[in-house]
């Protein structure tokens, strides 16, 4: 159904993909994994036709309709219907042209030339598959609980989760044969995540997925293609857990082979050293210390033994340069995130007592009671729009209570990571940004940024040229360098690759402060959260319930 053959793609002097080949069978669900920058999204863009390779070819089944769920909506001025139609190649531009001409026709009447342009634009709309999406879009939006969203509403007015669901609605309406998904779980709440898993599993077409959500990959894909930073690829059968198990087994086997190989090389070197010692001793007519050595005999000459040593050295050289030689497994380069707090806060950080929280005369919470204590790691979960961001604003003193009270503990310093890409304050480079938020030297800032995978001249890369994942890492760096003792993290894992997610979990495990994380990454929640705060939206108010873990949450029926 989908075949990539010898694909090479470069951006300027940097080659991202080199001679990459793999196929996706009809109806197969395949995931591309690998670190940020390895070329996963580039492959999706090549398959979608957004980019062209320098060499190689991409073929797909005849007359196969392809839809592409991109990682983010770059143009926030898009309307909902345009964003939904952008999942097909050329869909957004085709629809915008039709709407532009409709506006002109309404203003100037059906002039012949204008009407001809409009007729031609409608034909392009039909050929691109956009009309099919528009015919079914209303039903698809209802399926994803977006009934109250208008077709001409700008996506800038929507939450991150709503934007993702608008694009998913376009895919449902399009009914494609090939589906490309780039980080489809970003910004989705838990009910939407479970819906997406069900949709992908029931989908009968061919699916190519880039995702860093480990549980989502476990639940959906049947094969993994790993993209290496050097451009090579590795194939693994099964889901993500099977891939990790296979990789670990391969690495352990390679390490065992390398150790055996090194032991043999050491034995040969020791043998050569003994031969040379025997030759030298005989030349000087001295008896070696080790009189049991097999090459020591009065009739042997030093030249004979020296030749044997030389032969062994040649053998060792061939052994060490052989193509069959096993290389030592490389340690994967992960984000070296170090989190620490400058000062310990009091035991009680925040206490809410019968608090009314909201905006003007429309409170989100009424009679809210909650306590946040030192060292807790809270996973803040709930449906999109339920009130999680409101809590973050309250904890950052950006909202005033309508009634009730909020007690803030002593010595609390807050570090906040927003869900959307932050404004870097006009800083043009990562180095300039870090220098702007803390008083350290250039050398100290460069050393610090190295922990976040900005190395060498990477600290001078314009921030506008950074990927989503790189911007997330830079945002984290800006928080960590200030050494807060309360971290408020709003979807911090979006755009981080899997190794960075795992390292982030490890860092939170070492962190001595308090963490509240709004996240729907279930693996992350299971690995690090000490408890879950679930926000329910029922009618006009939200309520906050506390659960021990995700099994406790699921057993409560809160997700239904």
Protein backbone atom coordinates (compact mmCIF):
# COMPACT_ATOMS: atom_id res chain seq x y z
CA UNK A 1 0.00 0.00 0.00
CA UNK A 2 2.85 2.41 0.86
CA UNK A 3 6.49 2.01 -0.22
CA UNK A 4 9.49 4.26 0.46
CA UNK A 5 12.58 3.39 -1.59
CA UNK A 6 16.03 4.96 -1.14
CA UNK A 7 14.74 8.25 0.29
CA UNK A 8 17.34 10.96 0.91
CA UNK A 9 16.38 14.38 2.25
CA UNK A 10 18.55 17.31 3.35
CA UNK A 11 17.93 20.77 4.73
CA UNK A 12 20.82 22.98 3.71
CA UNK A 13 24.09 21.22 4.55
CA UNK A 14 22.39 18.81 7.00
CA UNK A 15 21.24 15.42 5.70
CA UNK A 16 18.24 14.25 7.73
CA UNK A 17 17.44 11.03 5.86
CA UNK A 18 19.81 8.99 3.72
CA UNK A 19 18.79 6.01 1.57
CA UNK A 20 15.79 5.17 3.79
CA UNK A 21 13.56 2.31 2.60
CA UNK A 22 10.60 0.59 4.21
CA UNK A 23 7.03 -0.38 3.36
CA UNK A 24 3.66 -0.35 5.10
CA UNK A 25 1.28 -3.15 4.17
CA UNK A 26 -2.40 -2.56 3.40
CA UNK A 27 -4.29 -2.24 6.67
CA UNK A 28 -1.09 -2.26 8.77
CA UNK A 29 -0.57 0.11 11.70
CA UNK A 30 3.09 1.12 11.82
CA UNK A 31 4.81 3.56 14.19
CA UNK A 32 7.93 5.61 13.48
CA UNK A 33 9.98 6.14 16.63
CA UNK A 34 13.31 7.81 17.30
CA UNK A 35 14.76 10.90 18.99
CA UNK A 36 13.73 14.43 18.05
CA UNK A 37 15.57 15.46 14.90
CA UNK A 38 15.90 11.94 13.48
CA UNK A 39 13.47 12.71 10.64
CA UNK A 40 10.15 11.14 11.68
CA UNK A 41 7.97 14.15 10.82
CA UNK A 42 10.07 14.70 7.69
CA UNK A 43 9.04 11.24 6.50
CA UNK A 44 5.36 12.06 7.08
CA UNK A 45 5.76 15.35 5.18
CA UNK A 46 7.41 13.50 2.30
CA UNK A 47 4.65 10.89 2.16
CA UNK A 48 2.01 13.64 2.29
CA UNK A 49 3.69 15.51 -0.58
CA UNK A 50 4.52 18.58 1.50
CA UNK A 51 8.23 17.94 0.79
CA UNK A 52 10.12 16.36 -2.09
CA UNK A 53 13.13 14.05 -1.61
CA UNK A 54 16.50 14.67 -3.27
CA UNK A 55 16.49 11.04 -4.36
CA UNK A 56 14.35 7.95 -4.01
CA UNK A 57 10.66 7.34 -4.57
CA UNK A 58 7.40 7.04 -2.64
CA UNK A 59 4.55 4.96 -4.06
CA UNK A 60 1.09 4.24 -2.70
CA UNK A 61 -1.92 2.29 -3.84
CA UNK A 62 -3.75 3.55 -6.90
CA UNK A 63 -6.39 6.18 -6.14
CA UNK A 64 -5.73 5.93 -2.39
CA UNK A 65 -7.05 8.92 -0.48
CA UNK A 66 -4.52 10.14 2.09
CA UNK A 67 -5.17 12.25 5.19
CA UNK A 68 -2.50 13.85 7.38
CA UNK A 69 -3.03 14.94 10.98
CA UNK A 70 -0.16 17.38 11.50
CA UNK A 71 1.52 18.05 14.82
CA UNK A 72 0.01 21.50 15.22
CA UNK A 73 -2.09 24.12 13.43
CA UNK A 74 0.43 26.73 12.34
CA UNK A 75 -2.08 29.31 11.04
CA UNK A 76 -4.28 30.37 13.96
CA UNK A 77 -6.42 32.54 11.68
CA UNK A 78 -7.90 29.43 10.04
CA UNK A 79 -11.60 28.82 10.52
CA UNK A 80 -12.79 25.51 11.93
CA UNK A 81 -13.91 24.22 8.53
CA UNK A 82 -10.59 25.19 6.89
CA UNK A 83 -8.61 23.49 9.70
CA UNK A 84 -10.69 20.33 9.32
CA UNK A 85 -10.15 20.29 5.56
CA UNK A 86 -6.40 20.85 5.93
CA UNK A 87 -6.00 17.12 6.61
CA UNK A 88 -6.09 16.53 2.83
CA UNK A 89 -3.32 17.88 0.64
CA UNK A 90 -4.33 21.29 -0.75
CA UNK A 91 -7.61 21.19 1.14
CA UNK A 92 -7.22 24.40 3.12
CA UNK A 93 -6.15 26.49 0.11
CA UNK A 94 -8.94 25.04 -2.05
CA UNK A 95 -11.62 25.87 0.54
CA UNK A 96 -10.24 29.34 1.22
CA UNK A 97 -10.35 30.13 -2.50
CA UNK A 98 -13.99 29.05 -2.74
CA UNK A 99 -14.95 31.13 0.29
CA UNK A 100 -13.04 34.15 -1.09
CA UNK A 101 -14.88 33.93 -4.40
CA UNK A 102 -18.23 33.49 -2.65
CA UNK A 103 -17.58 36.73 -0.77
CA UNK A 104 -16.73 38.54 -4.01
CA UNK A 105 -19.84 37.16 -5.73
CA UNK A 106 -21.93 38.43 -2.85
CA UNK A 107 -20.36 41.87 -3.13
CA UNK A 108 -20.18 42.30 -6.92
CA UNK A 109 -22.75 39.92 -8.33
CA UNK A 110 -22.21 37.02 -10.72
CA UNK A 111 -19.83 38.62 -13.21
CA UNK A 112 -19.00 36.13 -15.96
CA UNK A 113 -15.26 35.97 -15.27
CA UNK A 114 -15.83 35.75 -11.52
CA UNK A 115 -18.43 33.02 -11.98
CA UNK A 116 -16.01 31.03 -14.20
CA UNK A 117 -13.34 31.30 -11.49
CA UNK A 118 -15.85 30.11 -8.90
CA UNK A 119 -16.91 27.13 -11.03
CA UNK A 120 -13.26 26.14 -11.50
CA UNK A 121 -12.59 26.50 -7.75
CA UNK A 122 -15.56 24.23 -6.96
CA UNK A 123 -14.16 21.58 -9.30
CA UNK A 124 -10.81 21.70 -7.50
CA UNK A 125 -12.64 21.48 -4.19
CA UNK A 126 -14.46 18.35 -5.34
CA UNK A 127 -11.31 16.71 -6.73
CA UNK A 128 -9.35 17.32 -3.51
CA UNK A 129 -11.98 15.53 -1.43
CA UNK A 130 -12.84 18.66 0.55
CA UNK A 131 -16.50 18.65 -0.43
CA UNK A 132 -16.83 15.14 0.97
CA UNK A 133 -15.42 16.42 4.28
CA UNK A 134 -17.77 19.40 4.36
CA UNK A 135 -20.78 17.17 3.72
CA UNK A 136 -19.98 15.07 6.79
CA UNK A 137 -18.18 17.57 9.04
CA UNK A 138 -21.16 18.50 11.19
CA UNK A 139 -21.71 14.83 12.10
CA UNK A 140 -17.99 14.32 12.81
CA UNK A 141 -17.83 17.35 15.11
CA UNK A 142 -20.79 15.97 17.07
CA UNK A 143 -19.02 12.61 17.39
CA UNK A 144 -16.10 14.40 19.05
CA UNK A 145 -18.38 16.49 21.30
CA UNK A 146 -17.74 19.74 19.44
CA UNK A 147 -21.42 20.47 18.76
CA UNK A 148 -21.18 24.09 19.94
CA UNK A 149 -18.31 25.04 17.61
CA UNK A 150 -19.16 27.04 14.49
CA UNK A 151 -17.72 26.32 11.04
CA UNK A 152 -16.54 29.93 10.61
CA UNK A 153 -15.07 30.20 14.12
CA UNK A 154 -11.31 30.92 14.21
CA UNK A 155 -9.17 28.15 15.70
CA UNK A 156 -7.34 30.77 17.78
CA UNK A 157 -10.43 30.81 20.02
CA UNK A 158 -10.16 27.06 20.73
CA UNK A 159 -8.21 25.16 23.36
CA UNK A 160 -5.34 22.88 22.38
CA UNK A 161 -7.56 19.82 22.79
CA UNK A 162 -10.35 21.33 20.69
CA UNK A 163 -7.91 22.11 17.87
CA UNK A 164 -6.74 18.49 17.84
CA UNK A 165 -10.32 17.22 17.76
CA UNK A 166 -11.24 19.57 14.89
CA UNK A 167 -8.49 18.00 12.79
CA UNK A 168 -9.63 14.51 13.85
CA UNK A 169 -13.17 15.43 12.80
CA UNK A 170 -11.81 16.23 9.32
CA UNK A 171 -10.21 12.78 9.14
CA UNK A 172 -13.41 11.02 10.22
CA UNK A 173 -15.34 12.90 7.54
CA UNK A 174 -12.74 12.26 4.82
CA UNK A 175 -12.76 8.44 5.16
CA UNK A 176 -9.19 7.99 3.83
CA UNK A 177 -7.42 4.78 2.79
CA UNK A 178 -4.07 6.01 4.19
CA UNK A 179 -3.79 7.85 7.49
CA UNK A 180 -0.75 9.81 8.72
CA UNK A 181 -0.80 10.82 12.40
CA UNK A 182 1.88 13.13 13.82
CA UNK A 183 1.66 13.29 17.63
CA UNK A 184 -2.13 12.70 17.58
CA UNK A 185 -2.47 12.42 21.37
CA UNK A 186 -1.07 15.88 22.14
CA UNK A 187 -3.63 18.02 24.03
CA UNK A 188 -6.26 15.24 24.10
CA UNK A 189 -7.96 14.53 27.41
CA UNK A 190 -8.36 10.97 28.70
CA UNK A 191 -11.83 10.28 27.21
CA UNK A 192 -10.66 11.63 23.82
CA UNK A 193 -7.50 9.51 24.04
CA UNK A 194 -9.52 6.36 24.60
CA UNK A 195 -11.81 7.32 21.71
CA UNK A 196 -8.79 7.82 19.43
CA UNK A 197 -7.36 4.43 20.38
CA UNK A 198 -10.68 2.80 19.53
CA UNK A 199 -10.88 4.71 16.22
CA UNK A 200 -7.37 3.67 15.14
CA UNK A 201 -7.96 0.04 16.12
CA UNK A 202 -11.24 -0.11 14.16
CA UNK A 203 -9.83 1.80 11.17
CA UNK A 204 -9.32 -0.61 8.27
CA UNK A 205 -6.92 1.53 6.24
CA UNK A 206 -3.14 1.86 6.36
CA UNK A 207 -1.81 3.91 9.29
CA UNK A 208 1.59 5.54 9.77
CA UNK A 209 2.00 7.05 13.24
CA UNK A 210 4.57 9.27 14.91
CA UNK A 211 3.86 9.39 18.63
CA UNK A 212 5.71 9.63 21.94
CA UNK A 213 2.74 8.28 23.91
CA UNK A 214 4.00 4.85 24.93
CA UNK A 215 0.66 3.40 26.05
CA UNK A 216 -1.07 4.67 22.88
CA UNK A 217 1.55 2.84 20.78
CA UNK A 218 1.10 -0.28 22.88
CA UNK A 219 -2.64 -0.21 22.27
CA UNK A 220 -2.61 0.51 18.53
CA UNK A 221 0.42 -0.43 16.41
CA UNK A 222 1.61 -3.80 15.13
CA UNK A 223 5.08 -2.83 13.87
CA UNK A 224 7.78 -0.32 14.83
CA UNK A 225 10.33 1.33 12.53
CA UNK A 226 13.07 3.07 14.51
CA UNK A 227 14.82 6.00 12.82
CA UNK A 228 18.42 6.41 14.00
CA UNK A 229 20.14 9.81 14.20
CA UNK A 230 22.56 8.59 11.52
CA UNK A 231 19.63 8.07 9.14
CA UNK A 232 19.56 4.27 9.31
CA UNK A 233 16.40 2.35 10.26
CA UNK A 234 15.58 -0.78 12.24
CA UNK A 235 12.40 -2.87 11.96
CA UNK A 236 10.64 -4.52 14.91
CA UNK A 237 7.47 -6.61 14.95
CA UNK A 238 4.89 -5.89 17.64
CA UNK A 239 3.89 -2.90 19.77
CA UNK A 240 6.09 -0.47 21.70
CA UNK A 241 6.66 -2.73 24.71
CA UNK A 242 7.74 -5.55 22.40
CA UNK A 243 10.08 -3.09 20.65
CA UNK A 244 11.70 -2.04 23.95
CA UNK A 245 12.08 -5.69 25.02
CA UNK A 246 13.64 -6.59 21.66
CA UNK A 247 15.99 -3.58 21.77
CA UNK A 248 17.10 -4.45 25.30
CA UNK A 249 17.73 -8.08 24.29
CA UNK A 250 19.69 -6.99 21.21
CA UNK A 251 21.80 -4.58 23.23
CA UNK A 252 22.50 -7.22 25.90
CA UNK A 253 23.51 -9.72 23.21
CA UNK A 254 25.75 -7.15 21.49
CA UNK A 255 27.34 -6.26 24.83
CA UNK A 256 28.05 -9.95 25.56
CA UNK A 257 29.64 -10.38 22.11
CA UNK A 258 31.73 -7.24 22.57
CA UNK A 259 32.95 -8.42 26.00
CA UNK A 260 33.94 -11.83 24.58
CA UNK A 261 35.69 -10.11 21.71
CA UNK A 262 37.61 -7.81 24.08
CA UNK A 263 38.58 -10.77 26.29
CA UNK A 264 40.01 -12.57 23.24
CA UNK A 265 41.94 -9.44 22.20
CA UNK A 266 43.39 -9.13 25.72
CA UNK A 267 44.44 -12.83 25.65
CA UNK A 268 46.22 -12.34 22.31
CA UNK A 269 47.98 -9.17 23.55
CA UNK A 270 49.16 -11.02 26.69
CA UNK A 271 50.44 -13.88 24.53
CA UNK A 272 52.34 -11.41 22.32
CA UNK A 273 53.84 -9.72 25.38
CA UNK A 274 55.07 -13.07 26.73
CA UNK A 275 56.61 -13.99 23.36
CA UNK A 276 58.42 -10.66 23.20
CA UNK A 277 59.66 -11.08 26.76
CA UNK A 278 60.95 -14.57 25.95
CA UNK A 279 62.71 -13.29 22.80
CA UNK A 280 64.33 -10.43 24.69
CA UNK A 281 65.42 -12.69 27.55
CA UNK A 282 66.95 -15.21 25.16
CA UNK A 283 68.75 -12.49 23.22
CA UNK A 284 70.24 -11.37 26.53
CA UNK A 285 70.69 -15.02 27.61
CA UNK A 286 68.48 -14.47 30.69
CA UNK A 287 65.94 -16.97 31.94
CA UNK A 288 62.39 -15.48 31.97
CA UNK A 289 60.51 -15.11 35.24
CA UNK A 290 57.82 -17.50 34.01
CA UNK A 291 59.91 -20.64 33.32
CA UNK A 292 56.78 -22.63 32.43
CA UNK A 293 56.17 -20.49 29.33
CA UNK A 294 55.91 -22.84 26.34
CA UNK A 295 58.20 -20.86 24.06
CA UNK A 296 61.14 -21.02 26.47
CA UNK A 297 63.55 -23.74 25.39
CA UNK A 298 67.30 -23.64 24.98
CA UNK A 299 67.12 -24.64 21.32
CA UNK A 300 64.75 -21.76 20.40
CA UNK A 301 66.33 -18.61 19.15
CA UNK A 302 65.18 -15.08 19.89
CA UNK A 303 64.55 -14.42 16.20
CA UNK A 304 62.14 -17.37 15.84
CA UNK A 305 60.15 -16.24 18.88
CA UNK A 306 60.17 -12.60 17.68
CA UNK A 307 58.77 -13.70 14.31
CA UNK A 308 56.01 -15.60 16.10
CA UNK A 309 55.18 -12.46 18.09
CA UNK A 310 55.08 -10.43 14.88
CA UNK A 311 52.71 -12.97 13.30
CA UNK A 312 50.44 -12.76 16.33
CA UNK A 313 50.43 -8.94 16.10
CA UNK A 314 49.34 -9.14 12.45
CA UNK A 315 46.57 -11.54 13.44
CA UNK A 316 45.46 -9.16 16.20
CA UNK A 317 45.42 -6.24 13.74
CA UNK A 318 43.22 -8.22 11.32
CA UNK A 319 40.96 -9.23 14.21
CA UNK A 320 40.52 -5.64 15.37
CA UNK A 321 39.80 -4.26 11.87
CA UNK A 322 37.56 -7.11 10.69
CA UNK A 323 34.14 -6.22 9.28
CA UNK A 324 32.72 -8.91 11.58
CA UNK A 325 33.97 -7.07 14.65
CA UNK A 326 31.18 -6.16 17.07
CA UNK A 327 31.13 -2.53 18.21
CA UNK A 328 30.46 -1.63 21.82
CA UNK A 329 26.77 -0.67 22.20
CA UNK A 330 26.39 3.09 22.37
CA UNK A 331 24.61 4.64 25.31
CA UNK A 332 21.58 6.55 24.03
CA UNK A 333 22.05 10.29 24.46
CA UNK A 334 19.18 11.51 26.60
CA UNK A 335 18.26 14.84 28.07
CA UNK A 336 20.38 15.21 31.23
CA UNK A 337 17.70 17.02 33.18
CA UNK A 338 18.66 17.95 36.73
CA UNK A 339 15.86 19.34 38.89
CA UNK A 340 16.55 20.73 42.34
CA UNK A 341 14.96 23.31 44.58
CA UNK A 342 16.84 26.27 45.99
CA UNK A 343 14.95 26.43 49.30
CA UNK A 344 12.64 24.08 51.09
CA UNK A 345 9.13 25.40 51.43
CA UNK A 346 6.89 24.82 54.44
CA UNK A 347 5.00 21.52 54.76
CA UNK A 348 1.74 23.15 53.63
CA UNK A 349 2.08 24.92 50.28
CA UNK A 350 -1.54 25.75 49.41
CA UNK A 351 -4.82 25.31 51.26
CA UNK A 352 -8.22 26.16 49.75
CA UNK A 353 -11.21 26.38 52.06
CA UNK A 354 -14.74 26.74 50.59
CA UNK A 355 -13.24 28.74 47.72
CA UNK A 356 -15.28 30.19 44.89
CA UNK A 357 -13.05 30.50 41.85
CA UNK A 358 -13.88 31.89 38.43
CA UNK A 359 -14.39 34.91 36.29
CA UNK A 360 -16.73 37.80 37.10
CA UNK A 361 -20.15 36.39 37.97
CA UNK A 362 -19.49 32.91 36.49
CA UNK A 363 -17.49 30.85 39.00
CA UNK A 364 -15.80 27.69 37.73
CA UNK A 365 -15.52 26.20 41.23
CA UNK A 366 -17.89 26.67 44.13
CA UNK A 367 -17.00 25.64 47.70
CA UNK A 368 -13.64 24.17 46.64
CA UNK A 369 -11.55 22.45 49.33
CA UNK A 370 -8.00 21.26 48.60
CA UNK A 371 -4.59 20.95 50.21
CA UNK A 372 -1.20 20.74 48.50
CA UNK A 373 1.68 19.54 50.70
CA UNK A 374 5.43 19.48 50.30
CA UNK A 375 6.82 16.64 48.20
CA UNK A 376 3.53 15.64 46.59
CA UNK A 377 3.49 14.80 42.89
CA UNK A 378 -0.02 15.45 41.66
CA UNK A 379 -1.34 14.44 38.24
CA UNK A 380 -4.04 16.99 37.41
CA UNK A 381 -6.44 15.32 35.00
CA UNK A 382 -9.91 15.88 33.57
CA UNK A 383 -11.74 16.67 30.36
CA UNK A 384 -10.58 19.61 28.27
CA UNK A 385 -12.30 22.78 29.50
CA UNK A 386 -13.12 21.34 32.92
CA UNK A 387 -11.07 23.91 34.86
CA UNK A 388 -7.49 22.63 35.16
CA UNK A 389 -5.98 25.84 33.76
CA UNK A 390 -8.11 27.85 36.20
CA UNK A 391 -6.44 26.03 39.11
CA UNK A 392 -3.01 26.82 37.68
CA UNK A 393 -3.93 30.50 37.43
CA UNK A 394 -5.17 30.45 41.01
CA UNK A 395 -1.98 28.81 42.30
CA UNK A 396 0.02 31.51 40.47
CA UNK A 397 -2.03 34.33 42.07
CA UNK A 398 -3.53 35.38 38.76
CA UNK A 399 -7.11 35.01 40.04
CA UNK A 400 -8.88 36.37 43.09
CA UNK A 401 -11.35 34.32 45.09
CA UNK A 402 -15.01 35.27 44.98
CA UNK A 403 -15.43 33.84 48.46
CA UNK A 404 -13.69 31.43 50.83
CA UNK A 405 -9.97 31.51 51.47
CA UNK A 406 -6.62 30.41 50.04
CA UNK A 407 -3.63 30.03 52.34
CA UNK A 408 -0.18 30.12 50.72
CA UNK A 409 2.69 28.46 52.60
CA UNK A 410 5.99 30.10 53.47
CA UNK A 411 8.93 30.19 51.09
CA UNK A 412 7.02 28.96 48.04
CA UNK A 413 8.64 29.77 44.67
CA UNK A 414 6.73 28.73 41.58
CA UNK A 415 7.98 27.53 38.20
CA UNK A 416 5.28 27.35 35.52
CA UNK A 417 5.39 25.66 32.14
CA UNK A 418 2.47 26.62 29.86
CA UNK A 419 0.77 24.19 27.52
CA UNK A 420 1.25 26.30 24.43
CA UNK A 421 4.70 27.34 23.24
CA UNK A 422 5.74 30.27 25.41
CA UNK A 423 6.78 33.75 24.35
CA UNK A 424 10.55 33.86 24.72
CA UNK A 425 10.50 37.60 25.29
CA UNK A 426 12.15 38.62 22.05
CA UNK A 427 15.22 36.46 22.71
CA UNK A 428 16.58 35.35 19.37
CA UNK A 429 18.61 32.33 20.53
CA UNK A 430 18.53 29.75 23.36
CA UNK A 431 21.68 31.31 24.83
CA UNK A 432 20.14 34.80 24.86
CA UNK A 433 16.95 33.44 26.46
CA UNK A 434 18.74 31.73 29.35
CA UNK A 435 20.88 34.83 29.92
CA UNK A 436 17.69 36.92 30.07
CA UNK A 437 16.07 34.86 32.85
CA UNK A 438 19.04 34.40 35.17
CA UNK A 439 22.31 36.11 36.04
CA UNK A 440 24.96 33.69 34.74
CA UNK A 441 27.85 33.99 32.31
CA UNK A 442 27.87 32.86 28.69
CA UNK A 443 30.02 29.86 29.60
CA UNK A 444 27.72 28.86 32.48
CA UNK A 445 24.66 29.27 30.25
CA UNK A 446 26.19 27.14 27.47
CA UNK A 447 27.13 24.40 29.96
CA UNK A 448 23.61 24.49 31.39
CA UNK A 449 21.96 24.31 27.95
CA UNK A 450 24.06 21.26 27.13
CA UNK A 451 22.00 19.33 29.70
CA UNK A 452 18.95 20.11 27.55
CA UNK A 453 20.63 18.88 24.33
CA UNK A 454 21.60 22.33 23.04
CA UNK A 455 25.26 21.78 22.31
CA UNK A 456 27.94 23.55 20.33
CA UNK A 457 26.60 26.14 17.93
CA UNK A 458 23.04 24.92 18.68
CA UNK A 459 22.84 27.58 21.39
CA UNK A 460 22.96 30.21 18.61
CA UNK A 461 20.12 28.70 16.53
CA UNK A 462 17.28 31.24 16.09
CA UNK A 463 14.38 30.21 18.33
CA UNK A 464 12.02 30.66 15.38
CA UNK A 465 13.87 27.78 13.67
CA UNK A 466 13.52 25.37 16.61
CA UNK A 467 11.16 22.39 16.43
CA UNK A 468 8.24 21.95 18.84
CA UNK A 469 10.32 19.54 20.92
CA UNK A 470 13.32 21.87 21.04
CA UNK A 471 11.12 24.75 22.20
CA UNK A 472 9.67 22.55 24.94
CA UNK A 473 13.17 21.69 26.12
CA UNK A 474 14.13 25.37 26.11
CA UNK A 475 11.02 26.25 28.12
CA UNK A 476 11.98 23.59 30.68
CA UNK A 477 15.49 24.99 30.82
CA UNK A 478 14.13 28.45 31.58
CA UNK A 479 12.16 27.01 34.52
CA UNK A 480 14.85 24.76 35.97
CA UNK A 481 17.56 27.42 35.95
CA UNK A 482 15.50 29.47 38.46
CA UNK A 483 15.40 26.54 40.94
CA UNK A 484 11.72 26.72 42.03
CA UNK A 485 10.31 24.48 44.78
CA UNK A 486 6.80 24.22 43.29
CA UNK A 487 6.49 23.16 39.66
CA UNK A 488 3.22 23.75 37.80
CA UNK A 489 3.53 21.89 34.50
CA UNK A 490 0.76 22.12 31.90
CA UNK A 491 1.17 19.20 29.47
CA UNK A 492 5.00 19.26 29.79
CA UNK A 493 5.52 16.11 27.72
CA UNK A 494 4.01 17.41 24.50
CA UNK A 495 6.68 17.27 21.76
CA UNK A 496 9.27 15.51 23.97
CA UNK A 497 10.61 12.28 22.50
CA UNK A 498 10.32 9.03 24.47
CA UNK A 499 13.90 9.02 25.87
CA UNK A 500 13.37 12.61 27.08
CA UNK A 501 10.03 11.64 28.65
CA UNK A 502 11.68 8.79 30.51
CA UNK A 503 14.51 11.05 31.68
CA UNK A 504 11.97 13.66 32.77
CA UNK A 505 10.21 11.00 34.88
CA UNK A 506 13.54 10.08 36.47
CA UNK A 507 14.25 13.73 37.24
CA UNK A 508 10.87 14.21 38.90
CA UNK A 509 11.59 11.13 40.99
CA UNK A 510 14.78 12.83 42.27
CA UNK A 511 13.18 16.26 42.70
CA UNK A 512 12.71 17.22 46.35
CA UNK A 513 10.04 19.85 45.73
CA UNK A 514 6.34 19.68 44.89
CA UNK A 515 4.92 19.05 41.43
CA UNK A 516 1.46 19.53 39.93
CA UNK A 517 1.34 18.26 36.34
CA UNK A 518 -1.62 18.54 33.99
CA UNK A 519 -1.09 15.55 31.72
CA UNK A 520 -2.89 12.77 29.91
CA UNK A 521 0.20 10.63 29.33
CA UNK A 522 -0.94 7.54 31.19
CA UNK A 523 2.50 5.93 31.36
CA UNK A 524 3.89 9.13 32.88
CA UNK A 525 1.06 9.26 35.45
CA UNK A 526 1.59 5.60 36.41
CA UNK A 527 5.35 6.08 36.82
CA UNK A 528 5.54 9.28 38.85
CA UNK A 529 2.25 10.50 40.39
CA UNK A 530 1.66 10.04 44.12
CA UNK A 531 -2.03 10.82 43.55
CA UNK A 532 -4.46 12.07 40.90
CA UNK A 533 -6.64 15.17 41.15
CA UNK A 534 -9.55 14.66 38.78
CA UNK A 535 -11.54 17.72 37.69
CA UNK A 536 -15.20 17.06 36.79
CA UNK A 537 -17.35 19.59 34.97
CA UNK A 538 -21.00 19.06 35.85
CA UNK A 539 -23.35 21.72 34.55
CA UNK A 540 -22.16 25.15 35.65
CA UNK A 541 -19.49 24.15 38.19
CA UNK A 542 -16.38 21.99 38.42
CA UNK A 543 -15.54 19.68 41.28
CA UNK A 544 -12.19 18.26 42.39
CA UNK A 545 -11.84 14.62 43.42
CA UNK A 546 -8.70 12.89 44.66
CA UNK A 547 -7.68 9.36 43.62
CA UNK A 548 -4.77 7.14 44.65
CA UNK A 549 -3.85 6.03 41.11
CA UNK A 550 -5.30 5.49 37.64
CA UNK A 551 -6.94 2.19 38.55
CA UNK A 552 -8.71 3.94 41.40
CA UNK A 553 -9.82 6.66 38.94
CA UNK A 554 -11.12 4.18 36.36
CA UNK A 555 -12.99 2.18 39.01
CA UNK A 556 -14.78 5.35 40.16
CA UNK A 557 -16.68 5.73 36.89
CA UNK A 558 -15.41 9.30 36.47
CA UNK A 559 -14.39 8.60 32.86
CA UNK A 560 -17.87 7.57 31.69
